[in-house]
Structure formats: C-alpha cells, structure tokens
C-alpha cells in the first residue's frame, strides 16, 4: 500500500480530526499514513471539500520515474506533467500590485527542458508513420514458450495496411490458450507457416517504422528471441509502449490491464486475444490517447 503524506494550513479543526482516524499527525499540520489508493482518493476528496480557505497538499508513492506523485489545493502552486515527471508550476508574481501577473515554470523546470531539448534530436512533426504490433503465444515465458500468431497494423500517411499470420506448431496447444484465443492446434498445423517465414515477412512489413504496442516489451522480447533462434537480426526499431502514455493520462485507474483501459477509453468491452484484432483495438486506443497523438502530430 502506498505511503501518503498530507499537509494542512488554516483548515477547520473537524477536518484535522477526520484525518487522524486514518493518519498520524507527526507535527502540526503534517499527517502520514499507509493505505490503499481507494482510501487515499476518498480522503483527499474530503480534504478538498472541507478545507475552505485553507491550504492542502498530498504526496504519495507512485510508479513513475521519480517514484512519487503529488497534488495541491489552494496553495497557488500546481502539478504539471513533463513526460511522466511531476513538476511544480509556480506563479511568477511581481511585487507591484499594479503590474500584470505573469506565470511561468520554475528555474528547475526550465533547466530540465533546456537539457532535454538540447540532448534530443528534433522530432519530425509531420511524421505519422508507425506500426501497431501484437502477438499471441502458448505461454508467458519467452524462454520456454513460443509465438503462435503475429498481427500488425501499419499507418503510413494515415493509410492503414494489415499483417497477420499463424505459426506452425509442434505438439498440442494448452487448453487454456485454446479457450483464451480460440486458436486450435489444428488451425496452426493446417494454416500456420514456418516461424522463419513468418518472421521474415513480418520484418519486411515493419521496415524501419516505429513499433507501438500495449505492454510492448512482452511482444518485443518474444519476437527477438524467436529471431535469434531463427538466425535473424534483432529488431532495432524505435518502440513506444502505449501503456506508459495511458498511465500518465489516467492516473487513478484500478489497474492498467488492456481490458480495463479499453473500457475506460470507450474503444471496446473485451480483448479478442487474436493478434490482428488486438492490434486493431490498440490502434483505436492509440487514437484516443492524447500524448500519443501529440507525439505523432495526429490531427
């Protein structure tokens, strides 16, 4: 359960009393506690609803590059997201009350931006080309299990093309895989192609385009191991995990399984667990994720 810190200034005594039911006050106005996300969200809502003219901040453990996240209420400062890094937006207010109020980033934020842009090549803002990739496997261990289907959707200047292939399979598919995917051993033996042929065709379909997927590391690891076993070169394409964009955009989902996320974004009710159909669904999801659209300048 994530560790949480709430600080209060000039708030009603009743609110302080409410917090002590869940948290320990270690010094005046500073409360610490350890509880689940649901409790934290309800407590923070109660704080915001009852703080009146006072000030409140909340900090808690979070899965991002810094390991924490925060929020503020009535403090004059606010949380902004810079590529997954939470930064403080500080109003730059002059001493002359007649001067126009100006706002800007803190010096630390400006320094970080300057360093990031100086060290990164400029992106081609007109680029809209990428490939959505998904695979199906007979298990989760990329050392022991194998790929049984590959699917992909390629977008080049907004024009979509598809790739799909079953993979010839030795032995009998586990029953839970048949139940999950609808793919049978007979289908693979009848319609599946040799893995080397599938991989060569797939790599040719990819070209040098960026690879997009949901939890794409799983797919890439399986594909690269299969390429290695087939005597072929690993994929060196730039890849982006759509899950990371979703986590930055939807901070408080119960979980980030694809099934949960597609419902949140309204792109489907159930993951098909077929490679091409999953790739199509991930494409629809990508079109609704703002930071992904910004990255590829999609309008």
C-alpha atoms as a PDB file:
ATOM      1  CA  UNK A   1       0.000   0.000   0.000  1.00  0.00           C
ATOM      2  CA  UNK A   2       1.411   3.437  -0.943  1.00  0.00           C
ATOM      3  CA  UNK A   3       2.846   5.698   1.748  1.00  0.00           C
ATOM      4  CA  UNK A   4       0.967   9.024   1.860  1.00  0.00           C
ATOM      5  CA  UNK A   5       1.697  12.461   3.357  1.00  0.00           C
ATOM      6  CA  UNK A   6      -0.926  15.218   3.690  1.00  0.00           C
ATOM      7  CA  UNK A   7      -0.110  18.730   4.924  1.00  0.00           C
ATOM      8  CA  UNK A   8      -2.719  21.273   6.021  1.00  0.00           C
ATOM      9  CA  UNK A   9      -2.708  25.011   6.784  1.00  0.00           C
ATOM     10  CA  UNK A  10      -5.538  27.085   8.234  1.00  0.00           C
ATOM     11  CA  UNK A  11      -8.193  24.377   7.978  1.00  0.00           C
ATOM     12  CA  UNK A  12     -11.186  23.610  10.246  1.00  0.00           C
ATOM     13  CA  UNK A  13     -10.375  21.543  13.325  1.00  0.00           C
ATOM     14  CA  UNK A  14     -13.023  19.000  12.327  1.00  0.00           C
ATOM     15  CA  UNK A  15     -11.044  18.149   9.195  1.00  0.00           C
ATOM     16  CA  UNK A  16      -7.919  17.516  11.244  1.00  0.00           C
ATOM     17  CA  UNK A  17      -9.959  15.185  13.425  1.00  0.00           C
ATOM     18  CA  UNK A  18     -11.172  13.248  10.397  1.00  0.00           C
ATOM     19  CA  UNK A  19      -7.626  12.707   9.156  1.00  0.00           C
ATOM     20  CA  UNK A  20      -6.429  11.323  12.490  1.00  0.00           C
ATOM     21  CA  UNK A  21      -8.815   8.392  12.037  1.00  0.00           C
ATOM     22  CA  UNK A  22      -6.629   7.207   9.151  1.00  0.00           C
ATOM     23  CA  UNK A  23      -3.316   9.020   9.588  1.00  0.00           C
ATOM     24  CA  UNK A  24      -0.826  10.019  12.272  1.00  0.00           C
ATOM     25  CA  UNK A  25      -0.081  13.712  12.878  1.00  0.00           C
ATOM     26  CA  UNK A  26       3.695  13.845  13.313  1.00  0.00           C
ATOM     27  CA  UNK A  27       3.888  17.627  13.653  1.00  0.00           C
ATOM     28  CA  UNK A  28       1.378  20.433  13.351  1.00  0.00           C
ATOM     29  CA  UNK A  29      -0.493  20.034  10.085  1.00  0.00           C
ATOM     30  CA  UNK A  30       1.573  17.114   8.771  1.00  0.00           C
ATOM     31  CA  UNK A  31      -0.124  13.711   8.540  1.00  0.00           C
ATOM     32  CA  UNK A  32       1.329  10.394   7.395  1.00  0.00           C
ATOM     33  CA  UNK A  33      -0.394   7.128   6.617  1.00  0.00           C
ATOM     34  CA  UNK A  34      -0.187   3.878   4.677  1.00  0.00           C
ATOM     35  CA  UNK A  35      -3.359   2.770   2.878  1.00  0.00           C
ATOM     36  CA  UNK A  36      -4.693   1.757  -0.497  1.00  0.00           C
ATOM     37  CA  UNK A  37      -5.498   4.005  -3.444  1.00  0.00           C
ATOM     38  CA  UNK A  38      -9.251   3.975  -2.862  1.00  0.00           C
ATOM     39  CA  UNK A  39      -8.889   5.230   0.722  1.00  0.00           C
ATOM     40  CA  UNK A  40      -6.357   7.872  -0.355  1.00  0.00           C
ATOM     41  CA  UNK A  41      -8.654   9.240  -3.067  1.00  0.00           C
ATOM     42  CA  UNK A  42     -11.634   9.440  -0.707  1.00  0.00           C
ATOM     43  CA  UNK A  43      -9.557  11.162   1.988  1.00  0.00           C
ATOM     44  CA  UNK A  44      -8.189  13.688  -0.487  1.00  0.00           C
ATOM     45  CA  UNK A  45     -11.690  14.417  -1.774  1.00  0.00           C
ATOM     46  CA  UNK A  46     -12.843  15.011   1.807  1.00  0.00           C
ATOM     47  CA  UNK A  47      -9.912  17.373   2.358  1.00  0.00           C
ATOM     48  CA  UNK A  48     -10.689  19.380  -0.790  1.00  0.00           C
ATOM     49  CA  UNK A  49     -14.378  19.553   0.065  1.00  0.00           C
ATOM     50  CA  UNK A  50     -13.777  20.782   3.623  1.00  0.00           C
ATOM     51  CA  UNK A  51     -10.555  22.801   3.518  1.00  0.00           C
ATOM     52  CA  UNK A  52     -12.500  26.066   2.917  1.00  0.00           C
ATOM     53  CA  UNK A  53      -9.942  28.908   2.646  1.00  0.00           C
ATOM     54  CA  UNK A  54      -7.070  26.796   3.949  1.00  0.00           C
ATOM     55  CA  UNK A  55      -4.293  25.070   2.021  1.00  0.00           C
ATOM     56  CA  UNK A  56      -3.597  21.377   1.499  1.00  0.00           C
ATOM     57  CA  UNK A  57      -1.055  19.194  -0.282  1.00  0.00           C
ATOM     58  CA  UNK A  58      -0.833  15.448  -0.743  1.00  0.00           C
ATOM     59  CA  UNK A  59       2.220  13.361  -1.689  1.00  0.00           C
ATOM     60  CA  UNK A  60       2.254   9.615  -2.224  1.00  0.00           C
ATOM     61  CA  UNK A  61       4.305   6.764  -3.629  1.00  0.00           C
ATOM     62  CA  UNK A  62       3.662   6.289  -7.337  1.00  0.00           C
ATOM     63  CA  UNK A  63       5.047   4.263 -10.228  1.00  0.00           C
ATOM     64  CA  UNK A  64       6.792   6.884 -12.321  1.00  0.00           C
ATOM     65  CA  UNK A  65      10.406   7.910 -12.890  1.00  0.00           C
ATOM     66  CA  UNK A  66      10.606   9.752  -9.552  1.00  0.00           C
ATOM     67  CA  UNK A  67       8.679   7.213  -7.503  1.00  0.00           C
ATOM     68  CA  UNK A  68       6.131   9.712  -6.193  1.00  0.00           C
ATOM     69  CA  UNK A  69       3.210  11.935  -7.210  1.00  0.00           C
ATOM     70  CA  UNK A  70       1.575  14.944  -5.558  1.00  0.00           C
ATOM     71  CA  UNK A  71      -1.379  17.306  -5.733  1.00  0.00           C
ATOM     72  CA  UNK A  72      -2.192  20.687  -4.194  1.00  0.00           C
ATOM     73  CA  UNK A  73      -5.286  22.671  -3.221  1.00  0.00           C
ATOM     74  CA  UNK A  74      -5.449  26.448  -2.645  1.00  0.00           C
ATOM     75  CA  UNK A  75      -1.654  26.715  -2.448  1.00  0.00           C
ATOM     76  CA  UNK A  76      -1.082  28.817  -5.561  1.00  0.00           C
ATOM     77  CA  UNK A  77       1.204  26.089  -6.888  1.00  0.00           C
ATOM     78  CA  UNK A  78       0.077  23.256  -9.154  1.00  0.00           C
ATOM     79  CA  UNK A  79       1.267  19.929 -10.543  1.00  0.00           C
ATOM     80  CA  UNK A  80       2.254  19.721 -14.198  1.00  0.00           C
ATOM     81  CA  UNK A  81       3.347  16.609 -16.084  1.00  0.00           C
ATOM     82  CA  UNK A  82       6.524  16.730 -18.172  1.00  0.00           C
ATOM     83  CA  UNK A  83       6.907  13.372 -19.924  1.00  0.00           C
ATOM     84  CA  UNK A  84       5.857  11.494 -16.809  1.00  0.00           C
ATOM     85  CA  UNK A  85       7.843  13.703 -14.401  1.00  0.00           C
ATOM     86  CA  UNK A  86       5.691  15.644 -11.888  1.00  0.00           C
ATOM     87  CA  UNK A  87       6.917  19.255 -11.647  1.00  0.00           C
ATOM     88  CA  UNK A  88       5.707  22.250  -9.639  1.00  0.00           C
ATOM     89  CA  UNK A  89       4.195  25.146 -11.580  1.00  0.00           C
ATOM     90  CA  UNK A  90       4.991  28.312  -9.589  1.00  0.00           C
ATOM     91  CA  UNK A  91       3.261  31.619 -10.420  1.00  0.00           C
ATOM     92  CA  UNK A  92       5.773  34.417 -11.066  1.00  0.00           C
ATOM     93  CA  UNK A  93       4.079  37.340  -9.323  1.00  0.00           C
ATOM     94  CA  UNK A  94       5.731  40.804  -9.252  1.00  0.00           C
ATOM     95  CA  UNK A  95       5.849  42.948  -6.111  1.00  0.00           C
ATOM     96  CA  UNK A  96       3.985  45.849  -7.741  1.00  0.00           C
ATOM     97  CA  UNK A  97       0.309  45.107  -7.332  1.00  0.00           C
ATOM     98  CA  UNK A  98      -0.454  47.118 -10.480  1.00  0.00           C
ATOM     99  CA  UNK A  99       1.831  45.014 -12.636  1.00  0.00           C
ATOM    100  CA  UNK A 100       0.309  42.323 -14.779  1.00  0.00           C
ATOM    101  CA  UNK A 101       0.604  38.920 -13.128  1.00  0.00           C
ATOM    102  CA  UNK A 102       2.938  36.659 -15.077  1.00  0.00           C
ATOM    103  CA  UNK A 103       3.164  32.897 -14.860  1.00  0.00           C
ATOM    104  CA  UNK A 104       5.980  30.574 -15.774  1.00  0.00           C
ATOM    105  CA  UNK A 105       7.947  27.466 -14.965  1.00  0.00           C
ATOM    106  CA  UNK A 106      10.395  27.258 -12.103  1.00  0.00           C
ATOM    107  CA  UNK A 107      14.103  27.566 -12.916  1.00  0.00           C
ATOM    108  CA  UNK A 108      14.489  23.835 -12.319  1.00  0.00           C
ATOM    109  CA  UNK A 109      11.806  23.085 -14.890  1.00  0.00           C
ATOM    110  CA  UNK A 110      13.393  25.480 -17.399  1.00  0.00           C
ATOM    111  CA  UNK A 111      16.784  23.854 -16.875  1.00  0.00           C
ATOM    112  CA  UNK A 112      15.349  20.393 -17.364  1.00  0.00           C
ATOM    113  CA  UNK A 113      13.569  21.436 -20.562  1.00  0.00           C
ATOM    114  CA  UNK A 114      16.718  23.047 -21.941  1.00  0.00           C
ATOM    115  CA  UNK A 115      18.781  19.968 -21.195  1.00  0.00           C
ATOM    116  CA  UNK A 116      16.151  17.616 -22.633  1.00  0.00           C
ATOM    117  CA  UNK A 117      15.754  19.512 -25.880  1.00  0.00           C
ATOM    118  CA  UNK A 118      19.493  20.077 -26.256  1.00  0.00           C
ATOM    119  CA  UNK A 119      20.258  16.364 -25.904  1.00  0.00           C
ATOM    120  CA  UNK A 120      17.378  15.089 -28.067  1.00  0.00           C
ATOM    121  CA  UNK A 121      17.169  15.275 -31.837  1.00  0.00           C
ATOM    122  CA  UNK A 122      14.242  17.286 -33.140  1.00  0.00           C
ATOM    123  CA  UNK A 123      11.240  15.171 -33.987  1.00  0.00           C
ATOM    124  CA  UNK A 124       9.742  15.197 -37.452  1.00  0.00           C
ATOM    125  CA  UNK A 125       6.451  16.868 -36.618  1.00  0.00           C
ATOM    126  CA  UNK A 126       4.942  15.718 -39.915  1.00  0.00           C
ATOM    127  CA  UNK A 127       5.644  12.034 -39.282  1.00  0.00           C
ATOM    128  CA  UNK A 128       2.560   9.909 -38.897  1.00  0.00           C
ATOM    129  CA  UNK A 129       4.087   6.544 -39.744  1.00  0.00           C
ATOM    130  CA  UNK A 130       4.158   3.672 -37.253  1.00  0.00           C
ATOM    131  CA  UNK A 131       3.192   0.029 -36.800  1.00  0.00           C
ATOM    132  CA  UNK A 132       0.948  -1.377 -34.068  1.00  0.00           C
ATOM    133  CA  UNK A 133       2.180  -4.866 -33.134  1.00  0.00           C
ATOM    134  CA  UNK A 134       0.607  -7.713 -31.169  1.00  0.00           C
ATOM    135  CA  UNK A 135       1.374 -11.403 -30.815  1.00  0.00           C
ATOM    136  CA  UNK A 136      -0.250 -14.469 -29.298  1.00  0.00           C
ATOM    137  CA  UNK A 137       1.849 -17.105 -27.543  1.00  0.00           C
ATOM    138  CA  UNK A 138       1.352 -20.511 -25.923  1.00  0.00           C
ATOM    139  CA  UNK A 139       2.515 -19.156 -22.545  1.00  0.00           C
ATOM    140  CA  UNK A 140       4.172 -16.248 -20.772  1.00  0.00           C
ATOM    141  CA  UNK A 141       7.798 -17.450 -20.528  1.00  0.00           C
ATOM    142  CA  UNK A 142       9.735 -16.243 -23.564  1.00  0.00           C
ATOM    143  CA  UNK A 143      12.471 -18.814 -22.923  1.00  0.00           C
ATOM    144  CA  UNK A 144      10.115 -21.810 -22.863  1.00  0.00           C
ATOM    145  CA  UNK A 145       7.049 -20.713 -24.805  1.00  0.00           C
ATOM    146  CA  UNK A 146       6.656 -19.732 -28.459  1.00  0.00           C
ATOM    147  CA  UNK A 147       4.750 -17.374 -30.728  1.00  0.00           C
ATOM    148  CA  UNK A 148       1.613 -18.832 -32.313  1.00  0.00           C
ATOM    149  CA  UNK A 149       0.303 -15.742 -34.129  1.00  0.00           C
ATOM    150  CA  UNK A 150       1.612 -12.346 -35.258  1.00  0.00           C
ATOM    151  CA  UNK A 151      -0.576  -9.375 -36.151  1.00  0.00           C
ATOM    152  CA  UNK A 152       0.150  -5.762 -37.054  1.00  0.00           C
ATOM    153  CA  UNK A 153      -1.486  -2.577 -38.338  1.00  0.00           C
ATOM    154  CA  UNK A 154       0.742  -0.179 -40.296  1.00  0.00           C
ATOM    155  CA  UNK A 155      -0.134   3.501 -40.637  1.00  0.00           C
ATOM    156  CA  UNK A 156       1.707   5.370 -43.403  1.00  0.00           C
ATOM    157  CA  UNK A 157       0.466   8.915 -44.018  1.00  0.00           C
ATOM    158  CA  UNK A 158      -2.802   7.833 -42.455  1.00  0.00           C
ATOM    159  CA  UNK A 159      -3.272   4.852 -44.815  1.00  0.00           C
ATOM    160  CA  UNK A 160      -3.654   1.551 -42.950  1.00  0.00           C
ATOM    161  CA  UNK A 161      -2.422  -1.887 -44.009  1.00  0.00           C
ATOM    162  CA  UNK A 162      -2.543  -5.211 -42.163  1.00  0.00           C
ATOM    163  CA  UNK A 163      -0.288  -8.165 -41.414  1.00  0.00           C
ATOM    164  CA  UNK A 164      -1.463 -11.440 -39.904  1.00  0.00           C
ATOM    165  CA  UNK A 165      -0.011 -14.923 -39.782  1.00  0.00           C
ATOM    166  CA  UNK A 166      -0.476 -18.070 -37.731  1.00  0.00           C
ATOM    167  CA  UNK A 167       2.681 -20.020 -36.872  1.00  0.00           C
ATOM    168  CA  UNK A 168       3.048 -23.753 -37.441  1.00  0.00           C
ATOM    169  CA  UNK A 169       3.083 -25.522 -34.083  1.00  0.00           C
ATOM    170  CA  UNK A 170       4.581 -28.776 -32.885  1.00  0.00           C
ATOM    171  CA  UNK A 171       2.704 -30.613 -30.158  1.00  0.00           C
ATOM    172  CA  UNK A 172      -0.676 -29.700 -28.670  1.00  0.00           C
ATOM    173  CA  UNK A 173      -1.734 -26.242 -27.526  1.00  0.00           C
ATOM    174  CA  UNK A 174      -2.588 -25.919 -23.812  1.00  0.00           C
ATOM    175  CA  UNK A 175      -6.341 -25.949 -23.222  1.00  0.00           C
ATOM    176  CA  UNK A 176      -6.328 -22.547 -21.502  1.00  0.00           C
ATOM    177  CA  UNK A 177      -4.659 -20.975 -24.557  1.00  0.00           C
ATOM    178  CA  UNK A 178      -7.278 -22.508 -26.858  1.00  0.00           C
ATOM    179  CA  UNK A 179     -10.000 -21.193 -24.548  1.00  0.00           C
ATOM    180  CA  UNK A 180      -8.440 -17.717 -24.348  1.00  0.00           C
ATOM    181  CA  UNK A 181      -7.639 -17.185 -28.029  1.00  0.00           C
ATOM    182  CA  UNK A 182      -9.910 -19.537 -29.939  1.00  0.00           C
ATOM    183  CA  UNK A 183      -6.804 -20.750 -31.788  1.00  0.00           C
ATOM    184  CA  UNK A 184      -6.633 -24.550 -32.006  1.00  0.00           C
ATOM    185  CA  UNK A 185      -3.780 -26.942 -32.682  1.00  0.00           C
ATOM    186  CA  UNK A 186      -5.471 -27.989 -35.935  1.00  0.00           C
ATOM    187  CA  UNK A 187      -5.621 -24.356 -37.094  1.00  0.00           C
ATOM    188  CA  UNK A 188      -1.883 -23.935 -36.537  1.00  0.00           C
ATOM    189  CA  UNK A 189      -0.974 -27.205 -38.240  1.00  0.00           C
ATOM    190  CA  UNK A 190      -3.274 -26.507 -41.204  1.00  0.00           C
ATOM    191  CA  UNK A 191      -2.885 -22.750 -41.712  1.00  0.00           C
ATOM    192  CA  UNK A 192       0.316 -21.909 -39.836  1.00  0.00           C
ATOM    193  CA  UNK A 193       3.553 -21.012 -41.606  1.00  0.00           C
ATOM    194  CA  UNK A 194       7.094 -21.801 -40.525  1.00  0.00           C
ATOM    195  CA  UNK A 195       8.284 -19.317 -37.904  1.00  0.00           C
ATOM    196  CA  UNK A 196      11.266 -18.253 -40.039  1.00  0.00           C
ATOM    197  CA  UNK A 197       8.974 -17.371 -42.947  1.00  0.00           C
ATOM    198  CA  UNK A 198       6.587 -15.505 -40.641  1.00  0.00           C
ATOM    199  CA  UNK A 199       9.402 -13.502 -39.074  1.00  0.00           C
ATOM    200  CA  UNK A 200      10.979 -12.548 -42.404  1.00  0.00           C
ATOM    201  CA  UNK A 201       7.631 -11.383 -43.777  1.00  0.00           C
ATOM    202  CA  UNK A 202       6.915  -9.522 -40.548  1.00  0.00           C
ATOM    203  CA  UNK A 203      10.283  -7.739 -40.502  1.00  0.00           C
ATOM    204  CA  UNK A 204       9.779  -6.756 -44.146  1.00  0.00           C
ATOM    205  CA  UNK A 205       6.322  -5.380 -43.239  1.00  0.00           C
ATOM    206  CA  UNK A 206       7.814  -3.340 -40.377  1.00  0.00           C
ATOM    207  CA  UNK A 207      10.629  -1.752 -42.297  1.00  0.00           C
ATOM    208  CA  UNK A 208      12.249   0.922 -40.133  1.00  0.00           C
ATOM    209  CA  UNK A 209       8.997   2.330 -38.739  1.00  0.00           C
ATOM    210  CA  UNK A 210       8.376   2.916 -35.047  1.00  0.00           C
ATOM    211  CA  UNK A 211       6.758  -0.012 -33.231  1.00  0.00           C
ATOM    212  CA  UNK A 212       3.786   0.690 -30.980  1.00  0.00           C
ATOM    213  CA  UNK A 213       2.091  -1.780 -28.660  1.00  0.00           C
ATOM    214  CA  UNK A 214       0.445  -2.232 -25.303  1.00  0.00           C
ATOM    215  CA  UNK A 215       2.992  -3.630 -22.841  1.00  0.00           C
ATOM    216  CA  UNK A 216       5.119  -3.876 -25.965  1.00  0.00           C
ATOM    217  CA  UNK A 217       8.152  -5.185 -24.082  1.00  0.00           C
ATOM    218  CA  UNK A 218       6.422  -8.574 -23.801  1.00  0.00           C
ATOM    219  CA  UNK A 219       5.934  -8.784 -27.575  1.00  0.00           C
ATOM    220  CA  UNK A 220       9.404  -7.497 -28.477  1.00  0.00           C
ATOM    221  CA  UNK A 221      11.147  -9.935 -26.119  1.00  0.00           C
ATOM    222  CA  UNK A 222       9.306 -12.908 -27.640  1.00  0.00           C
ATOM    223  CA  UNK A 223       9.967 -11.686 -31.190  1.00  0.00           C
ATOM    224  CA  UNK A 224      13.672 -11.025 -30.618  1.00  0.00           C
ATOM    225  CA  UNK A 225      14.218 -14.443 -29.039  1.00  0.00           C
ATOM    226  CA  UNK A 226      12.435 -16.064 -31.992  1.00  0.00           C
ATOM    227  CA  UNK A 227      14.595 -14.018 -34.386  1.00  0.00           C
ATOM    228  CA  UNK A 228      17.740 -15.116 -32.552  1.00  0.00           C
ATOM    229  CA  UNK A 229      16.731 -18.794 -32.690  1.00  0.00           C
ATOM    230  CA  UNK A 230      15.997 -18.374 -36.404  1.00  0.00           C
ATOM    231  CA  UNK A 231      19.410 -16.868 -37.125  1.00  0.00           C
ATOM    232  CA  UNK A 232      17.945 -13.440 -37.885  1.00  0.00           C
ATOM    233  CA  UNK A 233      18.837  -9.987 -36.548  1.00  0.00           C
ATOM    234  CA  UNK A 234      17.005  -8.462 -33.591  1.00  0.00           C
ATOM    235  CA  UNK A 235      14.552  -5.630 -34.081  1.00  0.00           C
ATOM    236  CA  UNK A 236      16.232  -2.243 -33.670  1.00  0.00           C
ATOM    237  CA  UNK A 237      13.170  -0.128 -34.435  1.00  0.00           C
ATOM    238  CA  UNK A 238      12.263   2.625 -32.016  1.00  0.00           C
ATOM    239  CA  UNK A 239       9.369   1.427 -29.912  1.00  0.00           C
ATOM    240  CA  UNK A 240       6.790   3.106 -27.680  1.00  0.00           C
ATOM    241  CA  UNK A 241       4.661   1.432 -25.038  1.00  0.00           C
ATOM    242  CA  UNK A 242       1.132   2.813 -25.157  1.00  0.00           C
ATOM    243  CA  UNK A 243       0.674   1.699 -21.541  1.00  0.00           C
ATOM    244  CA  UNK A 244       3.102   4.418 -20.400  1.00  0.00           C
ATOM    245  CA  UNK A 245       1.093   7.109 -22.179  1.00  0.00           C
ATOM    246  CA  UNK A 246      -2.111   5.797 -20.597  1.00  0.00           C
ATOM    247  CA  UNK A 247      -0.558   5.756 -17.109  1.00  0.00           C
ATOM    248  CA  UNK A 248       0.442   9.398 -17.481  1.00  0.00           C
ATOM    249  CA  UNK A 249      -3.006  10.358 -18.744  1.00  0.00           C
ATOM    250  CA  UNK A 250      -5.186   8.222 -16.444  1.00  0.00           C
ATOM    251  CA  UNK A 251      -3.527   8.366 -13.032  1.00  0.00           C
ATOM    252  CA  UNK A 252      -6.065   6.553 -10.900  1.00  0.00           C
ATOM    253  CA  UNK A 253      -7.303   3.511 -12.810  1.00  0.00           C
ATOM    254  CA  UNK A 254      -7.832   0.379 -10.732  1.00  0.00           C
ATOM    255  CA  UNK A 255      -5.243  -1.354 -12.939  1.00  0.00           C
ATOM    256  CA  UNK A 256      -3.715  -0.896 -16.370  1.00  0.00           C
ATOM    257  CA  UNK A 257      -4.649  -4.186 -17.988  1.00  0.00           C
ATOM    258  CA  UNK A 258      -5.711  -3.710 -21.601  1.00  0.00           C
ATOM    259  CA  UNK A 259      -9.196  -4.965 -20.713  1.00  0.00           C
ATOM    260  CA  UNK A 260      -9.600  -2.179 -18.136  1.00  0.00           C
ATOM    261  CA  UNK A 261      -8.114   0.525 -20.344  1.00  0.00           C
ATOM    262  CA  UNK A 262     -10.221  -0.123 -23.455  1.00  0.00           C
ATOM    263  CA  UNK A 263     -13.358   0.224 -21.348  1.00  0.00           C
ATOM    264  CA  UNK A 264     -12.075   3.467 -19.808  1.00  0.00           C
ATOM    265  CA  UNK A 265     -11.453   4.950 -23.258  1.00  0.00           C
ATOM    266  CA  UNK A 266     -14.638   3.523 -24.756  1.00  0.00           C
ATOM    267  CA  UNK A 267     -12.979   1.526 -27.536  1.00  0.00           C
ATOM    268  CA  UNK A 268     -14.299  -1.921 -26.632  1.00  0.00           C
ATOM    269  CA  UNK A 269     -15.651  -4.216 -23.957  1.00  0.00           C
ATOM    270  CA  UNK A 270     -13.468  -7.287 -24.396  1.00  0.00           C
ATOM    271  CA  UNK A 271      -9.954  -8.014 -25.639  1.00  0.00           C
ATOM    272  CA  UNK A 272     -10.247 -10.544 -28.525  1.00  0.00           C
ATOM    273  CA  UNK A 273      -6.870 -12.209 -27.807  1.00  0.00           C
ATOM    274  CA  UNK A 274      -6.204 -12.621 -31.526  1.00  0.00           C
ATOM    275  CA  UNK A 275      -3.121 -10.832 -32.778  1.00  0.00           C
ATOM    276  CA  UNK A 276      -4.601  -8.796 -35.641  1.00  0.00           C
ATOM    277  CA  UNK A 277      -7.844  -7.992 -33.817  1.00  0.00           C
ATOM    278  CA  UNK A 278      -5.876  -6.916 -30.737  1.00  0.00           C
ATOM    279  CA  UNK A 279      -3.653  -4.719 -32.926  1.00  0.00           C
ATOM    280  CA  UNK A 280      -6.776  -3.072 -34.373  1.00  0.00           C
ATOM    281  CA  UNK A 281      -8.100  -2.437 -30.877  1.00  0.00           C
ATOM    282  CA  UNK A 282      -4.762  -0.993 -29.733  1.00  0.00           C
ATOM    283  CA  UNK A 283      -4.801   1.292 -32.781  1.00  0.00           C
ATOM    284  CA  UNK A 284      -8.261   2.569 -31.811  1.00  0.00           C
ATOM    285  CA  UNK A 285      -6.995   3.114 -28.270  1.00  0.00           C
ATOM    286  CA  UNK A 286      -3.916   4.981 -29.520  1.00  0.00           C
ATOM    287  CA  UNK A 287      -6.146   7.352 -31.469  1.00  0.00           C
ATOM    288  CA  UNK A 288      -7.776   8.389 -28.184  1.00  0.00           C
ATOM    289  CA  UNK A 289      -4.607   8.814 -26.101  1.00  0.00           C
ATOM    290  CA  UNK A 290      -3.706  12.500 -26.297  1.00  0.00           C
ATOM    291  CA  UNK A 291       0.017  12.200 -25.635  1.00  0.00           C
ATOM    292  CA  UNK A 292       0.385   9.566 -28.334  1.00  0.00           C
ATOM    293  CA  UNK A 293      -1.474  11.781 -30.791  1.00  0.00           C
ATOM    294  CA  UNK A 294       0.786  14.691 -29.849  1.00  0.00           C
ATOM    295  CA  UNK A 295       3.900  12.562 -30.389  1.00  0.00           C
ATOM    296  CA  UNK A 296       2.856  11.679 -33.922  1.00  0.00           C
ATOM    297  CA  UNK A 297       1.221  15.036 -34.682  1.00  0.00           C
ATOM    298  CA  UNK A 298      -2.089  13.337 -35.383  1.00  0.00           C
ATOM    299  CA  UNK A 299      -4.975  15.694 -36.025  1.00  0.00           C
END
